[in-house]
Amino acid sequence: MVPADGNLSAPKGMLVKDSCLLIADVGKLAVYDLRDTAAAPQIVRFPDGELYVNDMALHGNTLYVTVTNTGSIYSLDVSTPAQLDTAGLKPYITIPGANGIVIRNDTMYIASYPPDGTTTPDNVIYYIDNISTPVANKLFDRPGQYDGLALSEDGQRLYFTNWVGPEIGYYDLSTRSVELLDPGTQLMGPARISLKSDTLYIPDLPNSKVVVLKIKK
């Protein structure tokens, strides 16, 4: 267990690389070595103004981190996460309201959430075909306040949450169509989602609960 050591303010996205837990926090990334959680974390500081450090995804040994208030996405070499180059953060691309992020093979998907709460035509889901040459394209023209993303095991469905509606659904990458799901309960703010096999876990932040939804394949 990571102790309440005063190093975290509003933790959001997390992932484990080797023996380390990486946590997105306000203006920074905190990296705890799970072999010694009593030790102080490594802190990777983001540039001034990059406050809402939000979600992250791995591609090999490169970590990609979104910052929602500026739309920035940064990259960081995490080949040896226990001994990071804490000054090695590099700008990767800017996408309006960059929020949830997932990567499969060489393709990156990014959810867009308007930090001021005003939805615009640019607040959609984006994709980058080739992660080594970042060019962002809109997956569809369906503006919303997109938060969480998760890919099915076969890579054919991109599940998403949308605070407008609110909605839980998926984009079928083979038919290029959107299907909405019935969570079986009223949601207010579906946020970052996790998918394990045929079960989707949906945190509803305003209601302080997690909804568990079985997926029909």
N, C-alpha and C. Protein backbone atom coordinates (compact mmCIF):
# COMPACT_ATOMS: atom_id res chain seq x y z
N MET A 1 0.84 -1.19 0.00
CA MET A 1 0.00 0.00 0.00
C MET A 1 0.88 1.24 0.00
N VAL A 2 0.50 2.22 -0.84
CA VAL A 2 1.23 3.49 -0.86
C VAL A 2 0.76 4.34 0.31
N PRO A 3 1.67 4.82 1.13
CA PRO A 3 1.28 5.57 2.32
C PRO A 3 0.78 6.97 1.98
N ALA A 4 0.01 7.55 2.90
CA ALA A 4 -0.40 8.94 2.79
C ALA A 4 0.77 9.80 3.23
N ASP A 5 1.67 10.06 2.28
CA ASP A 5 2.93 10.71 2.62
C ASP A 5 2.99 12.19 2.25
N GLY A 6 1.85 12.74 1.77
CA GLY A 6 1.81 14.15 1.42
C GLY A 6 2.32 14.47 0.03
N ASN A 7 2.70 13.45 -0.74
CA ASN A 7 3.25 13.70 -2.07
C ASN A 7 2.17 13.75 -3.16
N LEU A 8 0.94 13.34 -2.82
CA LEU A 8 -0.13 13.32 -3.81
C LEU A 8 -1.22 14.31 -3.43
N SER A 9 -1.77 14.96 -4.46
CA SER A 9 -2.83 15.95 -4.22
C SER A 9 -4.18 15.47 -4.74
N ALA A 10 -4.24 15.09 -6.01
CA ALA A 10 -5.49 14.60 -6.63
C ALA A 10 -5.13 13.54 -7.65
N PRO A 11 -4.70 12.35 -7.20
CA PRO A 11 -4.24 11.31 -8.13
C PRO A 11 -5.34 10.85 -9.07
N LYS A 12 -4.92 10.58 -10.32
CA LYS A 12 -5.87 10.15 -11.34
C LYS A 12 -5.36 8.86 -11.98
N GLY A 13 -4.91 8.91 -13.24
CA GLY A 13 -4.49 7.69 -13.92
C GLY A 13 -3.30 7.04 -13.25
N MET A 14 -3.28 5.69 -13.29
CA MET A 14 -2.19 4.92 -12.70
C MET A 14 -1.87 3.74 -13.60
N LEU A 15 -0.63 3.29 -13.52
CA LEU A 15 -0.26 2.01 -14.13
C LEU A 15 1.01 1.50 -13.45
N VAL A 16 1.26 0.20 -13.64
CA VAL A 16 2.44 -0.43 -13.05
C VAL A 16 3.39 -0.81 -14.17
N LYS A 17 4.65 -0.41 -14.00
CA LYS A 17 5.72 -0.79 -14.93
C LYS A 17 6.83 -1.42 -14.11
N ASP A 18 7.11 -2.70 -14.40
CA ASP A 18 8.09 -3.45 -13.61
C ASP A 18 7.69 -3.41 -12.14
N SER A 19 8.55 -2.87 -11.29
CA SER A 19 8.24 -2.85 -9.86
C SER A 19 7.70 -1.51 -9.40
N CYS A 20 7.32 -0.65 -10.34
CA CYS A 20 6.96 0.72 -9.98
C CYS A 20 5.51 1.05 -10.31
N LEU A 21 4.89 1.83 -9.42
CA LEU A 21 3.55 2.35 -9.62
C LEU A 21 3.67 3.81 -10.04
N LEU A 22 3.17 4.13 -11.22
CA LEU A 22 3.22 5.49 -11.74
C LEU A 22 1.85 6.12 -11.58
N ILE A 23 1.80 7.32 -11.01
CA ILE A 23 0.54 7.97 -10.67
C ILE A 23 0.54 9.38 -11.25
N ALA A 24 -0.51 9.70 -12.04
CA ALA A 24 -0.70 11.05 -12.55
C ALA A 24 -1.31 11.91 -11.44
N ASP A 25 -0.73 13.07 -11.22
CA ASP A 25 -1.19 13.95 -10.15
C ASP A 25 -1.15 15.39 -10.65
N VAL A 26 -1.48 16.33 -9.80
CA VAL A 26 -1.54 17.73 -10.20
C VAL A 26 -0.14 18.24 -10.57
N GLY A 27 0.06 18.52 -11.84
CA GLY A 27 1.33 19.09 -12.30
C GLY A 27 2.51 18.17 -12.25
N LYS A 28 2.27 16.87 -12.02
CA LYS A 28 3.41 15.98 -11.87
C LYS A 28 3.03 14.53 -12.05
N LEU A 29 4.06 13.71 -12.14
CA LEU A 29 3.94 12.26 -12.14
C LEU A 29 4.73 11.77 -10.94
N ALA A 30 4.09 10.95 -10.09
CA ALA A 30 4.77 10.38 -8.92
C ALA A 30 5.02 8.90 -9.19
N VAL A 31 6.23 8.46 -8.91
CA VAL A 31 6.61 7.07 -9.20
C VAL A 31 7.09 6.41 -7.91
N TYR A 32 6.30 5.42 -7.46
CA TYR A 32 6.62 4.69 -6.23
C TYR A 32 7.21 3.33 -6.58
N ASP A 33 8.28 2.98 -5.89
CA ASP A 33 8.84 1.63 -6.03
C ASP A 33 8.07 0.72 -5.09
N LEU A 34 7.34 -0.23 -5.64
CA LEU A 34 6.48 -1.09 -4.83
C LEU A 34 7.27 -2.05 -3.94
N ARG A 35 8.57 -2.14 -4.18
CA ARG A 35 9.41 -2.95 -3.30
C ARG A 35 9.72 -2.23 -1.99
N ASP A 36 9.49 -0.91 -1.99
CA ASP A 36 9.76 -0.12 -0.79
C ASP A 36 8.86 1.10 -0.82
N THR A 37 7.57 0.91 -0.47
CA THR A 37 6.62 2.01 -0.57
C THR A 37 6.83 3.07 0.51
N ALA A 38 7.67 2.77 1.49
CA ALA A 38 7.97 3.77 2.50
C ALA A 38 8.96 4.81 1.98
N ALA A 39 9.65 4.50 0.90
CA ALA A 39 10.61 5.43 0.32
C ALA A 39 9.88 6.55 -0.41
N ALA A 40 10.50 7.71 -0.44
CA ALA A 40 9.91 8.84 -1.15
C ALA A 40 9.82 8.53 -2.65
N PRO A 41 8.74 8.95 -3.30
CA PRO A 41 8.61 8.67 -4.74
C PRO A 41 9.52 9.57 -5.57
N GLN A 42 9.83 9.10 -6.76
CA GLN A 42 10.43 9.98 -7.75
C GLN A 42 9.33 10.90 -8.26
N ILE A 43 9.65 12.16 -8.48
CA ILE A 43 8.67 13.13 -8.96
C ILE A 43 9.13 13.68 -10.31
N VAL A 44 8.26 13.53 -11.30
CA VAL A 44 8.52 14.11 -12.62
C VAL A 44 7.62 15.34 -12.73
N ARG A 45 8.24 16.52 -12.75
CA ARG A 45 7.49 17.77 -12.80
C ARG A 45 7.15 18.12 -14.24
N PHE A 46 5.92 18.61 -14.43
CA PHE A 46 5.50 19.09 -15.74
C PHE A 46 5.73 20.60 -15.81
N PRO A 47 5.83 21.14 -17.00
CA PRO A 47 6.02 22.59 -17.13
C PRO A 47 4.89 23.38 -16.49
N ASP A 48 5.18 24.64 -16.15
CA ASP A 48 4.17 25.51 -15.54
C ASP A 48 2.91 25.55 -16.39
N GLY A 49 1.78 25.47 -15.73
CA GLY A 49 0.50 25.53 -16.42
C GLY A 49 -0.05 24.18 -16.83
N GLU A 50 0.80 23.16 -16.81
CA GLU A 50 0.34 21.80 -17.15
C GLU A 50 -0.16 21.15 -15.87
N LEU A 51 -1.43 21.42 -15.53
CA LEU A 51 -1.93 21.08 -14.20
C LEU A 51 -2.68 19.75 -14.15
N TYR A 52 -3.65 19.55 -15.05
CA TYR A 52 -4.54 18.39 -14.93
C TYR A 52 -3.91 17.16 -15.58
N VAL A 53 -2.78 16.74 -15.04
CA VAL A 53 -2.13 15.52 -15.52
C VAL A 53 -3.11 14.38 -15.25
N ASN A 54 -3.49 13.66 -16.30
CA ASN A 54 -4.71 12.87 -16.19
C ASN A 54 -4.52 11.37 -16.38
N ASP A 55 -4.18 10.93 -17.57
CA ASP A 55 -4.14 9.50 -17.85
C ASP A 55 -2.83 9.17 -18.54
N MET A 56 -2.54 7.86 -18.63
CA MET A 56 -1.28 7.45 -19.24
C MET A 56 -1.42 6.08 -19.87
N ALA A 57 -0.54 5.81 -20.83
CA ALA A 57 -0.52 4.51 -21.50
C ALA A 57 0.91 4.22 -21.93
N LEU A 58 1.22 2.92 -21.99
CA LEU A 58 2.57 2.48 -22.36
C LEU A 58 2.60 1.98 -23.79
N HIS A 59 3.72 2.29 -24.47
CA HIS A 59 4.02 1.69 -25.76
C HIS A 59 5.48 1.25 -25.68
N GLY A 60 5.68 -0.04 -25.42
CA GLY A 60 7.04 -0.51 -25.16
C GLY A 60 7.56 0.12 -23.88
N ASN A 61 8.67 0.82 -23.98
CA ASN A 61 9.26 1.49 -22.82
C ASN A 61 9.01 2.99 -22.82
N THR A 62 8.06 3.43 -23.64
CA THR A 62 7.71 4.85 -23.67
C THR A 62 6.34 5.05 -23.04
N LEU A 63 6.29 5.98 -22.10
CA LEU A 63 5.04 6.32 -21.43
C LEU A 63 4.48 7.59 -22.08
N TYR A 64 3.18 7.56 -22.36
CA TYR A 64 2.49 8.74 -22.88
C TYR A 64 1.49 9.23 -21.83
N VAL A 65 1.53 10.53 -21.55
CA VAL A 65 0.74 11.10 -20.46
C VAL A 65 -0.08 12.29 -20.98
N THR A 66 -1.38 12.30 -20.66
CA THR A 66 -2.24 13.40 -21.10
C THR A 66 -2.37 14.47 -20.02
N VAL A 67 -2.56 15.71 -20.48
CA VAL A 67 -2.81 16.85 -19.59
C VAL A 67 -4.06 17.55 -20.11
N THR A 68 -5.16 17.44 -19.38
CA THR A 68 -6.45 17.85 -19.93
C THR A 68 -6.61 19.36 -20.07
N ASN A 69 -6.11 20.15 -19.14
CA ASN A 69 -6.37 21.59 -19.22
C ASN A 69 -5.68 22.26 -20.41
N THR A 70 -4.57 21.71 -20.88
CA THR A 70 -3.87 22.28 -22.04
C THR A 70 -4.00 21.42 -23.29
N GLY A 71 -4.43 20.17 -23.12
CA GLY A 71 -4.50 19.24 -24.25
C GLY A 71 -3.17 18.63 -24.63
N SER A 72 -2.15 18.89 -23.84
CA SER A 72 -0.82 18.37 -24.14
C SER A 72 -0.74 16.87 -23.87
N ILE A 73 0.03 16.18 -24.70
CA ILE A 73 0.42 14.80 -24.42
C ILE A 73 1.95 14.78 -24.41
N TYR A 74 2.51 14.19 -23.37
CA TYR A 74 3.96 14.11 -23.21
C TYR A 74 4.41 12.66 -23.31
N SER A 75 5.67 12.49 -23.67
CA SER A 75 6.28 11.16 -23.67
C SER A 75 7.44 11.14 -22.68
N LEU A 76 7.69 9.95 -22.14
CA LEU A 76 8.77 9.78 -21.15
C LEU A 76 9.34 8.38 -21.29
N ASP A 77 10.64 8.28 -21.35
CA ASP A 77 11.31 6.98 -21.39
C ASP A 77 11.25 6.35 -20.00
N VAL A 78 10.61 5.19 -19.91
CA VAL A 78 10.49 4.50 -18.62
C VAL A 78 11.14 3.12 -18.70
N SER A 79 12.23 3.03 -19.46
CA SER A 79 12.95 1.76 -19.58
C SER A 79 13.35 1.23 -18.22
N THR A 80 13.78 2.12 -17.35
CA THR A 80 14.16 1.76 -15.97
C THR A 80 13.36 2.66 -15.02
N PRO A 81 12.10 2.32 -14.75
CA PRO A 81 11.26 3.21 -13.97
C PRO A 81 11.75 3.47 -12.55
N ALA A 82 12.54 2.57 -12.02
CA ALA A 82 13.07 2.79 -10.67
C ALA A 82 14.19 3.84 -10.66
N GLN A 83 14.70 4.15 -11.85
CA GLN A 83 15.77 5.17 -11.96
C GLN A 83 15.47 6.05 -13.16
N LEU A 84 14.42 6.83 -13.06
CA LEU A 84 13.98 7.66 -14.17
C LEU A 84 14.88 8.89 -14.38
N ASP A 85 14.93 9.32 -15.62
CA ASP A 85 15.46 10.65 -15.91
C ASP A 85 14.29 11.60 -15.71
N THR A 86 14.20 12.19 -14.55
CA THR A 86 13.03 13.00 -14.22
C THR A 86 12.95 14.29 -15.04
N ALA A 87 14.00 14.60 -15.79
CA ALA A 87 13.98 15.77 -16.67
C ALA A 87 13.74 15.36 -18.12
N GLY A 88 13.40 14.09 -18.33
CA GLY A 88 13.31 13.57 -19.69
C GLY A 88 11.95 13.68 -20.34
N LEU A 89 11.03 14.42 -19.72
CA LEU A 89 9.69 14.58 -20.27
C LEU A 89 9.75 15.38 -21.57
N LYS A 90 9.06 14.89 -22.62
CA LYS A 90 9.10 15.56 -23.93
C LYS A 90 7.69 15.78 -24.46
N PRO A 91 7.42 16.96 -25.05
CA PRO A 91 6.13 17.16 -25.70
C PRO A 91 5.97 16.20 -26.87
N TYR A 92 4.77 15.63 -27.01
CA TYR A 92 4.51 14.67 -28.08
C TYR A 92 3.53 15.24 -29.10
N ILE A 93 2.35 15.62 -28.66
CA ILE A 93 1.33 16.21 -29.54
C ILE A 93 0.32 16.92 -28.65
N THR A 94 -0.45 17.83 -29.24
CA THR A 94 -1.51 18.53 -28.51
C THR A 94 -2.85 18.21 -29.16
N ILE A 95 -3.80 17.79 -28.33
CA ILE A 95 -5.16 17.45 -28.76
C ILE A 95 -6.12 18.12 -27.79
N PRO A 96 -7.15 18.82 -28.26
CA PRO A 96 -8.04 19.54 -27.35
C PRO A 96 -8.57 18.65 -26.22
N GLY A 97 -8.32 19.08 -24.99
CA GLY A 97 -8.87 18.39 -23.82
C GLY A 97 -8.44 16.94 -23.67
N ALA A 98 -7.20 16.63 -24.05
CA ALA A 98 -6.72 15.24 -23.99
C ALA A 98 -6.98 14.63 -22.62
N ASN A 99 -7.68 13.50 -22.60
CA ASN A 99 -8.10 12.89 -21.34
C ASN A 99 -7.70 11.42 -21.33
N GLY A 100 -8.66 10.50 -21.44
CA GLY A 100 -8.34 9.07 -21.46
C GLY A 100 -7.50 8.70 -22.68
N ILE A 101 -6.62 7.71 -22.50
CA ILE A 101 -5.73 7.31 -23.58
C ILE A 101 -5.52 5.79 -23.52
N VAL A 102 -5.56 5.15 -24.69
CA VAL A 102 -5.21 3.73 -24.79
C VAL A 102 -4.38 3.54 -26.06
N ILE A 103 -3.55 2.50 -26.05
CA ILE A 103 -2.69 2.20 -27.19
C ILE A 103 -2.78 0.71 -27.49
N ARG A 104 -2.90 0.38 -28.77
CA ARG A 104 -2.84 -1.01 -29.20
C ARG A 104 -1.94 -1.06 -30.43
N ASN A 105 -0.93 -1.93 -30.37
CA ASN A 105 0.08 -1.99 -31.43
C ASN A 105 0.66 -0.59 -31.63
N ASP A 106 0.54 -0.01 -32.81
CA ASP A 106 1.10 1.32 -33.05
C ASP A 106 0.04 2.39 -33.14
N THR A 107 -1.19 2.08 -32.71
CA THR A 107 -2.29 3.04 -32.80
C THR A 107 -2.67 3.55 -31.42
N MET A 108 -2.80 4.86 -31.31
CA MET A 108 -3.17 5.52 -30.06
C MET A 108 -4.57 6.12 -30.21
N TYR A 109 -5.39 5.97 -29.15
CA TYR A 109 -6.72 6.59 -29.10
C TYR A 109 -6.76 7.55 -27.91
N ILE A 110 -7.35 8.72 -28.13
CA ILE A 110 -7.39 9.75 -27.09
C ILE A 110 -8.79 10.32 -26.97
N ALA A 111 -9.32 10.34 -25.77
CA ALA A 111 -10.62 10.95 -25.50
C ALA A 111 -10.43 12.44 -25.21
N SER A 112 -11.39 13.24 -25.67
CA SER A 112 -11.32 14.69 -25.47
C SER A 112 -12.42 15.14 -24.52
N TYR A 113 -12.02 15.88 -23.50
CA TYR A 113 -12.96 16.40 -22.49
C TYR A 113 -12.71 17.90 -22.35
N PRO A 114 -13.73 18.74 -22.52
CA PRO A 114 -13.52 20.19 -22.40
C PRO A 114 -13.28 20.59 -20.95
N PRO A 115 -12.11 21.13 -20.62
CA PRO A 115 -11.83 21.44 -19.21
C PRO A 115 -12.74 22.51 -18.62
N ASP A 116 -13.32 23.36 -19.49
CA ASP A 116 -14.22 24.39 -18.97
C ASP A 116 -15.67 23.94 -18.97
N GLY A 117 -15.92 22.68 -19.38
CA GLY A 117 -17.27 22.14 -19.35
C GLY A 117 -18.13 22.51 -20.54
N THR A 118 -17.59 23.28 -21.51
CA THR A 118 -18.34 23.68 -22.69
C THR A 118 -17.94 22.81 -23.88
N THR A 119 -18.85 21.95 -24.32
CA THR A 119 -18.55 21.03 -25.41
C THR A 119 -18.46 21.76 -26.74
N THR A 120 -17.41 21.45 -27.51
CA THR A 120 -17.22 22.03 -28.83
C THR A 120 -17.11 20.90 -29.85
N PRO A 121 -17.15 21.20 -31.16
CA PRO A 121 -16.99 20.16 -32.17
C PRO A 121 -15.65 19.44 -32.10
N ASP A 122 -14.67 20.02 -31.41
CA ASP A 122 -13.35 19.39 -31.29
C ASP A 122 -13.29 18.35 -30.17
N ASN A 123 -14.33 18.29 -29.35
CA ASN A 123 -14.34 17.34 -28.24
C ASN A 123 -14.95 16.02 -28.68
N VAL A 124 -14.09 15.21 -29.29
CA VAL A 124 -14.49 13.90 -29.79
C VAL A 124 -13.44 12.88 -29.33
N ILE A 125 -13.40 11.73 -29.96
CA ILE A 125 -12.31 10.78 -29.73
C ILE A 125 -11.38 10.84 -30.94
N TYR A 126 -10.09 10.90 -30.68
CA TYR A 126 -9.08 10.99 -31.73
C TYR A 126 -8.28 9.70 -31.81
N TYR A 127 -7.64 9.51 -32.96
CA TYR A 127 -6.71 8.40 -33.09
C TYR A 127 -5.47 8.84 -33.85
N ILE A 128 -4.37 8.19 -33.54
CA ILE A 128 -3.10 8.38 -34.24
C ILE A 128 -2.73 7.03 -34.81
N ASP A 129 -2.70 6.93 -36.13
CA ASP A 129 -2.46 5.65 -36.80
C ASP A 129 -1.08 5.07 -36.50
N ASN A 130 -0.08 5.92 -36.58
CA ASN A 130 1.30 5.49 -36.40
C ASN A 130 1.92 6.31 -35.28
N ILE A 131 2.16 5.67 -34.16
CA ILE A 131 2.60 6.38 -32.97
C ILE A 131 3.95 7.08 -33.16
N SER A 132 4.75 6.60 -34.11
CA SER A 132 6.07 7.21 -34.34
C SER A 132 5.97 8.50 -35.16
N THR A 133 4.84 8.72 -35.84
CA THR A 133 4.62 9.95 -36.60
C THR A 133 3.27 10.51 -36.20
N PRO A 134 3.22 11.28 -35.11
CA PRO A 134 1.94 11.68 -34.52
C PRO A 134 1.14 12.69 -35.36
N VAL A 135 0.09 12.17 -35.99
CA VAL A 135 -0.89 13.00 -36.68
C VAL A 135 -2.25 12.58 -36.16
N ALA A 136 -2.97 13.50 -35.53
CA ALA A 136 -4.25 13.17 -34.91
C ALA A 136 -5.40 13.35 -35.88
N ASN A 137 -6.30 12.36 -35.90
CA ASN A 137 -7.51 12.41 -36.71
C ASN A 137 -8.71 12.13 -35.82
N LYS A 138 -9.86 12.70 -36.20
CA LYS A 138 -11.09 12.43 -35.45
C LYS A 138 -11.61 11.04 -35.80
N LEU A 139 -11.94 10.26 -34.78
CA LEU A 139 -12.51 8.93 -35.01
C LEU A 139 -13.92 9.04 -35.54
N PHE A 140 -14.64 10.05 -35.06
CA PHE A 140 -16.00 10.33 -35.54
C PHE A 140 -16.33 11.78 -35.22
N ASP A 141 -17.40 12.28 -35.82
CA ASP A 141 -17.89 13.63 -35.53
C ASP A 141 -19.10 13.51 -34.62
N ARG A 142 -18.81 13.32 -33.36
CA ARG A 142 -19.86 13.13 -32.35
C ARG A 142 -19.39 13.82 -31.08
N PRO A 143 -19.53 15.15 -31.00
CA PRO A 143 -18.98 15.90 -29.87
C PRO A 143 -19.56 15.44 -28.53
N GLY A 144 -18.73 15.47 -27.51
CA GLY A 144 -19.16 15.08 -26.18
C GLY A 144 -18.12 15.50 -25.16
N GLN A 145 -18.21 14.90 -23.99
CA GLN A 145 -17.24 15.11 -22.92
C GLN A 145 -16.69 13.73 -22.57
N TYR A 146 -15.76 13.27 -23.40
CA TYR A 146 -15.28 11.89 -23.33
C TYR A 146 -14.19 11.78 -22.27
N ASP A 147 -14.27 10.71 -21.50
CA ASP A 147 -13.37 10.54 -20.36
C ASP A 147 -12.58 9.23 -20.46
N GLY A 148 -13.22 8.11 -20.15
CA GLY A 148 -12.50 6.84 -20.12
C GLY A 148 -12.53 6.11 -21.44
N LEU A 149 -11.45 5.36 -21.71
CA LEU A 149 -11.35 4.52 -22.90
C LEU A 149 -10.83 3.15 -22.50
N ALA A 150 -11.30 2.12 -23.21
CA ALA A 150 -10.79 0.76 -23.00
C ALA A 150 -11.00 -0.02 -24.29
N LEU A 151 -10.03 -0.83 -24.66
CA LEU A 151 -10.12 -1.65 -25.86
C LEU A 151 -10.46 -3.09 -25.50
N SER A 152 -11.32 -3.71 -26.32
CA SER A 152 -11.63 -5.12 -26.14
C SER A 152 -10.38 -5.95 -26.43
N GLU A 153 -10.39 -7.19 -25.97
CA GLU A 153 -9.21 -8.05 -26.12
C GLU A 153 -8.83 -8.26 -27.59
N ASP A 154 -9.85 -8.32 -28.47
CA ASP A 154 -9.55 -8.52 -29.88
C ASP A 154 -9.28 -7.21 -30.62
N GLY A 155 -9.36 -6.10 -29.90
CA GLY A 155 -9.06 -4.81 -30.50
C GLY A 155 -10.13 -4.28 -31.43
N GLN A 156 -11.31 -4.89 -31.46
CA GLN A 156 -12.36 -4.48 -32.39
C GLN A 156 -13.33 -3.46 -31.81
N ARG A 157 -13.39 -3.38 -30.48
CA ARG A 157 -14.28 -2.42 -29.84
C ARG A 157 -13.49 -1.45 -28.98
N LEU A 158 -13.78 -0.17 -29.16
CA LEU A 158 -13.21 0.86 -28.31
C LEU A 158 -14.34 1.37 -27.41
N TYR A 159 -14.31 0.97 -26.14
CA TYR A 159 -15.31 1.39 -25.18
C TYR A 159 -14.99 2.81 -24.69
N PHE A 160 -16.05 3.58 -24.40
CA PHE A 160 -15.84 4.96 -23.97
C PHE A 160 -16.90 5.36 -22.95
N THR A 161 -16.59 6.38 -22.17
CA THR A 161 -17.58 7.04 -21.32
C THR A 161 -17.70 8.48 -21.79
N ASN A 162 -18.89 9.01 -21.64
CA ASN A 162 -19.20 10.37 -22.09
C ASN A 162 -20.09 11.01 -21.04
N TRP A 163 -19.64 12.16 -20.52
CA TRP A 163 -20.43 12.85 -19.49
C TRP A 163 -21.67 13.51 -20.08
N VAL A 164 -21.71 13.67 -21.40
CA VAL A 164 -22.92 14.18 -22.04
C VAL A 164 -23.87 13.00 -22.24
N GLY A 165 -25.02 13.11 -21.69
CA GLY A 165 -25.98 12.00 -21.76
C GLY A 165 -26.50 11.62 -20.39
N PRO A 166 -25.65 11.08 -19.50
CA PRO A 166 -24.31 10.50 -19.75
C PRO A 166 -24.41 9.18 -20.52
N GLU A 167 -23.29 8.75 -21.09
CA GLU A 167 -23.30 7.58 -21.94
C GLU A 167 -22.16 6.61 -21.63
N ILE A 168 -22.46 5.33 -21.82
CA ILE A 168 -21.46 4.27 -21.91
C ILE A 168 -21.68 3.62 -23.27
N GLY A 169 -20.62 3.42 -24.01
CA GLY A 169 -20.80 2.81 -25.32
C GLY A 169 -19.50 2.31 -25.88
N TYR A 170 -19.55 1.91 -27.14
CA TYR A 170 -18.32 1.51 -27.81
C TYR A 170 -18.39 1.87 -29.29
N TYR A 171 -17.22 2.06 -29.85
CA TYR A 171 -17.08 2.28 -31.28
C TYR A 171 -16.57 0.99 -31.89
N ASP A 172 -17.34 0.44 -32.84
CA ASP A 172 -16.95 -0.79 -33.52
C ASP A 172 -15.98 -0.43 -34.63
N LEU A 173 -14.73 -0.83 -34.48
CA LEU A 173 -13.69 -0.42 -35.42
C LEU A 173 -13.82 -1.12 -36.77
N SER A 174 -14.58 -2.20 -36.84
CA SER A 174 -14.76 -2.88 -38.12
C SER A 174 -15.94 -2.29 -38.91
N THR A 175 -17.03 -1.97 -38.21
CA THR A 175 -18.20 -1.40 -38.90
C THR A 175 -18.23 0.12 -38.85
N ARG A 176 -17.34 0.70 -38.04
CA ARG A 176 -17.26 2.16 -37.88
C ARG A 176 -18.59 2.73 -37.40
N SER A 177 -19.16 2.06 -36.43
CA SER A 177 -20.44 2.51 -35.88
C SER A 177 -20.37 2.59 -34.36
N VAL A 178 -21.22 3.44 -33.79
CA VAL A 178 -21.29 3.62 -32.34
C VAL A 178 -22.49 2.85 -31.79
N GLU A 179 -22.25 2.09 -30.72
CA GLU A 179 -23.32 1.38 -30.03
C GLU A 179 -23.32 1.84 -28.57
N LEU A 180 -24.49 2.21 -28.07
CA LEU A 180 -24.62 2.62 -26.68
C LEU A 180 -25.07 1.44 -25.82
N LEU A 181 -24.62 1.41 -24.58
CA LEU A 181 -24.92 0.31 -23.66
C LEU A 181 -25.81 0.82 -22.53
N ASP A 182 -26.62 -0.09 -22.01
CA ASP A 182 -27.49 0.23 -20.87
C ASP A 182 -26.79 -0.22 -19.60
N PRO A 183 -26.36 0.73 -18.76
CA PRO A 183 -25.65 0.35 -17.53
C PRO A 183 -26.57 -0.21 -16.45
N GLY A 184 -27.88 -0.13 -16.67
CA GLY A 184 -28.83 -0.68 -15.69
C GLY A 184 -29.09 0.22 -14.51
N THR A 185 -28.52 1.41 -14.52
CA THR A 185 -28.73 2.36 -13.44
C THR A 185 -28.46 3.76 -13.97
N GLN A 186 -28.96 4.78 -13.28
CA GLN A 186 -28.74 6.15 -13.69
C GLN A 186 -27.32 6.59 -13.34
N LEU A 187 -26.60 7.10 -14.32
CA LEU A 187 -25.26 7.60 -14.09
C LEU A 187 -25.25 9.12 -14.18
N MET A 188 -24.31 9.74 -13.48
CA MET A 188 -24.16 11.19 -13.56
C MET A 188 -22.84 11.58 -14.22
N GLY A 189 -21.78 10.88 -13.87
CA GLY A 189 -20.47 11.23 -14.41
C GLY A 189 -19.59 10.02 -14.58
N PRO A 190 -19.82 9.24 -15.66
CA PRO A 190 -19.00 8.04 -15.87
C PRO A 190 -17.57 8.42 -16.28
N ALA A 191 -16.61 7.97 -15.52
CA ALA A 191 -15.23 8.42 -15.71
C ALA A 191 -14.36 7.30 -16.28
N ARG A 192 -13.15 7.17 -15.73
CA ARG A 192 -12.16 6.22 -16.24
C ARG A 192 -12.65 4.79 -16.08
N ILE A 193 -12.64 4.02 -17.14
CA ILE A 193 -13.18 2.66 -17.12
C ILE A 193 -12.06 1.62 -17.19
N SER A 194 -12.38 0.43 -16.69
CA SER A 194 -11.48 -0.72 -16.80
C SER A 194 -12.28 -1.88 -17.39
N LEU A 195 -11.64 -2.62 -18.28
CA LEU A 195 -12.28 -3.76 -18.92
C LEU A 195 -11.46 -5.00 -18.64
N LYS A 196 -12.10 -6.02 -18.10
CA LYS A 196 -11.44 -7.30 -17.86
C LYS A 196 -12.34 -8.40 -18.42
N SER A 197 -11.87 -9.05 -19.47
CA SER A 197 -12.63 -10.08 -20.15
C SER A 197 -13.96 -9.50 -20.62
N ASP A 198 -15.09 -9.98 -20.05
CA ASP A 198 -16.40 -9.49 -20.48
C ASP A 198 -17.05 -8.58 -19.45
N THR A 199 -16.24 -7.97 -18.58
CA THR A 199 -16.78 -7.13 -17.51
C THR A 199 -16.18 -5.73 -17.58
N LEU A 200 -17.07 -4.74 -17.60
CA LEU A 200 -16.66 -3.34 -17.64
C LEU A 200 -16.91 -2.72 -16.27
N TYR A 201 -15.90 -2.05 -15.73
CA TYR A 201 -16.02 -1.38 -14.43
C TYR A 201 -16.06 0.13 -14.68
N ILE A 202 -17.15 0.75 -14.24
CA ILE A 202 -17.42 2.15 -14.57
C ILE A 202 -17.54 2.97 -13.29
N PRO A 203 -16.57 3.82 -12.97
CA PRO A 203 -16.73 4.70 -11.82
C PRO A 203 -17.68 5.85 -12.16
N ASP A 204 -18.62 6.10 -11.29
CA ASP A 204 -19.55 7.23 -11.43
C ASP A 204 -19.17 8.23 -10.34
N LEU A 205 -18.36 9.22 -10.71
CA LEU A 205 -17.74 10.09 -9.71
C LEU A 205 -18.76 10.86 -8.86
N PRO A 206 -19.74 11.56 -9.44
CA PRO A 206 -20.65 12.33 -8.58
C PRO A 206 -21.45 11.45 -7.63
N ASN A 207 -21.71 10.20 -8.02
CA ASN A 207 -22.48 9.30 -7.16
C ASN A 207 -21.60 8.46 -6.24
N SER A 208 -20.29 8.62 -6.34
CA SER A 208 -19.35 7.88 -5.49
C SER A 208 -19.61 6.38 -5.51
N LYS A 209 -19.74 5.83 -6.71
CA LYS A 209 -19.97 4.39 -6.82
C LYS A 209 -19.30 3.86 -8.08
N VAL A 210 -19.17 2.54 -8.13
CA VAL A 210 -18.64 1.87 -9.31
C VAL A 210 -19.72 0.93 -9.83
N VAL A 211 -20.03 1.05 -11.11
CA VAL A 211 -21.04 0.20 -11.75
C VAL A 211 -20.32 -0.91 -12.50
N VAL A 212 -20.79 -2.14 -12.31
CA VAL A 212 -20.20 -3.30 -12.97
C VAL A 212 -21.16 -3.74 -14.08
N LEU A 213 -20.66 -3.82 -15.30
CA LEU A 213 -21.51 -4.12 -16.45
C LEU A 213 -20.93 -5.30 -17.23
N LYS A 214 -21.72 -6.35 -17.40
CA LYS A 214 -21.33 -7.49 -18.21
C LYS A 214 -21.56 -7.15 -19.68
N ILE A 215 -20.56 -7.46 -20.50
CA ILE A 215 -20.60 -7.12 -21.91
C ILE A 215 -21.08 -8.31 -22.73
N LYS A 216 -22.01 -8.08 -23.63
CA LYS A 216 -22.43 -9.11 -24.57
C LYS A 216 -21.57 -9.03 -25.81
N LYS A 217 -20.98 -10.15 -26.20
CA LYS A 217 -20.07 -10.16 -27.35
C LYS A 217 -20.84 -10.56 -28.61
